[in-house]
Amino acid sequence: MVRYPEAGVFEQALFVVRDDAAVSRGVTADEVLAEACRIAQRQSGSARKRKHRPPLVYMLLGAGGVGVAWAVSWLFG
């Protein structure tokens, strides 16, 4: 279990690791924990970077596209 103090919705993550993972791959428990923390940090950072545009932006882009199509068909039609 990895705790992340700066999390918004989730405060911890649970990673399920095979029993033989450390033995077969030659890694220590500290290395497994460090990798889990790195993955949790990367995932939480990428979720914060996304910004969604408001629906008004898509409506205006669609209206502009229709306007351009109408103008082109009126000029060349």
C-alpha atoms as a PDB file:
ATOM      1  CA  MET A   1       0.000   0.000   0.000  1.00  0.00           C
ATOM      2  CA  VAL A   2       1.364   3.411  -0.993  1.00  0.00           C
ATOM      3  CA  ARG A   3       0.117   6.582   0.675  1.00  0.00           C
ATOM      4  CA  TYR A   4       0.200   9.843  -1.250  1.00  0.00           C
ATOM      5  CA  PRO A   5      -0.380  12.893   0.996  1.00  0.00           C
ATOM      6  CA  GLU A   6      -1.148  15.395  -1.790  1.00  0.00           C
ATOM      7  CA  ALA A   7      -3.892  13.304  -3.378  1.00  0.00           C
ATOM      8  CA  GLY A   8      -7.242  14.881  -4.106  1.00  0.00           C
ATOM      9  CA  VAL A   9      -9.714  12.009  -4.182  1.00  0.00           C
ATOM     10  CA  PHE A  10      -7.580   8.982  -3.325  1.00  0.00           C
ATOM     11  CA  GLU A  11      -5.213   8.908  -0.396  1.00  0.00           C
ATOM     12  CA  GLN A  12      -3.621   5.534  -1.018  1.00  0.00           C
ATOM     13  CA  ALA A  13      -3.008   2.971  -3.738  1.00  0.00           C
ATOM     14  CA  LEU A  14      -2.801  -0.789  -3.419  1.00  0.00           C
ATOM     15  CA  PHE A  15      -0.411  -2.757  -5.624  1.00  0.00           C
ATOM     16  CA  VAL A  16      -0.772  -6.537  -5.834  1.00  0.00           C
ATOM     17  CA  VAL A  17       2.612  -8.173  -6.334  1.00  0.00           C
ATOM     18  CA  ARG A  18       3.251 -11.846  -7.013  1.00  0.00           C
ATOM     19  CA  ASP A  19       4.936 -13.715  -4.155  1.00  0.00           C
ATOM     20  CA  ASP A  20       7.823 -14.805  -6.353  1.00  0.00           C
ATOM     21  CA  ALA A  21       8.382 -11.411  -8.003  1.00  0.00           C
ATOM     22  CA  ALA A  22      11.279 -10.421  -5.758  1.00  0.00           C
ATOM     23  CA  VAL A  23      12.952 -13.815  -5.995  1.00  0.00           C
ATOM     24  CA  SER A  24      12.568 -14.326  -9.743  1.00  0.00           C
ATOM     25  CA  ARG A  25      13.583 -10.786 -10.679  1.00  0.00           C
ATOM     26  CA  GLY A  26      16.253 -10.273  -8.028  1.00  0.00           C
ATOM     27  CA  VAL A  27      14.811  -7.082  -6.519  1.00  0.00           C
ATOM     28  CA  THR A  28      14.405  -6.072  -2.900  1.00  0.00           C
ATOM     29  CA  ALA A  29      11.191  -5.062  -1.162  1.00  0.00           C
ATOM     30  CA  ASP A  30      12.476  -1.475  -1.021  1.00  0.00           C
ATOM     31  CA  GLU A  31      12.950  -1.449  -4.791  1.00  0.00           C
ATOM     32  CA  VAL A  32       9.411  -2.746  -5.311  1.00  0.00           C
ATOM     33  CA  LEU A  33       8.074  -0.032  -2.994  1.00  0.00           C
ATOM     34  CA  ALA A  34      10.108   2.653  -4.772  1.00  0.00           C
ATOM     35  CA  GLU A  35       8.732   1.508  -8.145  1.00  0.00           C
ATOM     36  CA  ALA A  36       5.164   1.574  -6.798  1.00  0.00           C
ATOM     37  CA  CYS A  37       5.678   5.108  -5.476  1.00  0.00           C
ATOM     38  CA  ARG A  38       7.141   6.216  -8.814  1.00  0.00           C
ATOM     39  CA  ILE A  39       4.148   4.816 -10.725  1.00  0.00           C
ATOM     40  CA  ALA A  40       1.668   6.400  -8.312  1.00  0.00           C
ATOM     41  CA  GLN A  41       3.453   9.761  -8.573  1.00  0.00           C
ATOM     42  CA  ARG A  42       3.488   9.634 -12.377  1.00  0.00           C
ATOM     43  CA  GLN A  43      -0.182   8.704 -12.629  1.00  0.00           C
ATOM     44  CA  SER A  44      -1.342  11.357 -10.181  1.00  0.00           C
ATOM     45  CA  GLY A  45       0.683  14.026 -11.989  1.00  0.00           C
ATOM     46  CA  SER A  46      -0.678  13.141 -15.413  1.00  0.00           C
ATOM     47  CA  ALA A  47      -4.270  13.311 -14.212  1.00  0.00           C
ATOM     48  CA  ARG A  48      -3.804  16.841 -12.976  1.00  0.00           C
ATOM     49  CA  LYS A  49      -2.359  18.145 -16.241  1.00  0.00           C
ATOM     50  CA  ARG A  50      -5.490  17.473 -18.259  1.00  0.00           C
ATOM     51  CA  LYS A  51      -7.724  20.450 -18.820  1.00  0.00           C
ATOM     52  CA  HIS A  52     -11.123  20.022 -20.335  1.00  0.00           C
ATOM     53  CA  ARG A  53     -12.570  22.697 -22.556  1.00  0.00           C
ATOM     54  CA  PRO A  54     -16.030  23.926 -21.738  1.00  0.00           C
ATOM     55  CA  PRO A  55     -18.846  22.778 -24.050  1.00  0.00           C
ATOM     56  CA  LEU A  56     -19.236  26.357 -25.321  1.00  0.00           C
ATOM     57  CA  VAL A  57     -15.845  26.079 -27.046  1.00  0.00           C
ATOM     58  CA  TYR A  58     -16.952  22.981 -28.966  1.00  0.00           C
ATOM     59  CA  MET A  59     -20.261  24.635 -29.855  1.00  0.00           C
ATOM     60  CA  LEU A  60     -18.461  27.698 -31.249  1.00  0.00           C
ATOM     61  CA  LEU A  61     -15.980  25.553 -33.183  1.00  0.00           C
ATOM     62  CA  GLY A  62     -18.839  23.574 -34.697  1.00  0.00           C
ATOM     63  CA  ALA A  63     -20.770  26.719 -35.603  1.00  0.00           C
ATOM     64  CA  GLY A  64     -17.645  28.204 -37.161  1.00  0.00           C
ATOM     65  CA  GLY A  65     -17.077  25.049 -39.197  1.00  0.00           C
ATOM     66  CA  VAL A  66     -20.654  25.115 -40.464  1.00  0.00           C
ATOM     67  CA  GLY A  67     -20.264  28.792 -41.297  1.00  0.00           C
ATOM     68  CA  VAL A  68     -17.101  28.147 -43.296  1.00  0.00           C
ATOM     69  CA  ALA A  69     -18.735  25.246 -45.140  1.00  0.00           C
ATOM     70  CA  TRP A  70     -21.767  27.391 -45.929  1.00  0.00           C
ATOM     71  CA  ALA A  71     -19.539  30.258 -47.188  1.00  0.00           C
ATOM     72  CA  VAL A  72     -17.519  27.924 -49.410  1.00  0.00           C
ATOM     73  CA  SER A  73     -20.652  26.359 -50.885  1.00  0.00           C
ATOM     74  CA  TRP A  74     -22.208  29.805 -51.449  1.00  0.00           C
ATOM     75  CA  LEU A  75     -19.062  31.155 -53.169  1.00  0.00           C
ATOM     76  CA  PHE A  76     -18.335  28.145 -55.338  1.00  0.00           C
ATOM     77  CA  GLY A  77     -21.803  26.606 -55.618  1.00  0.00           C
END
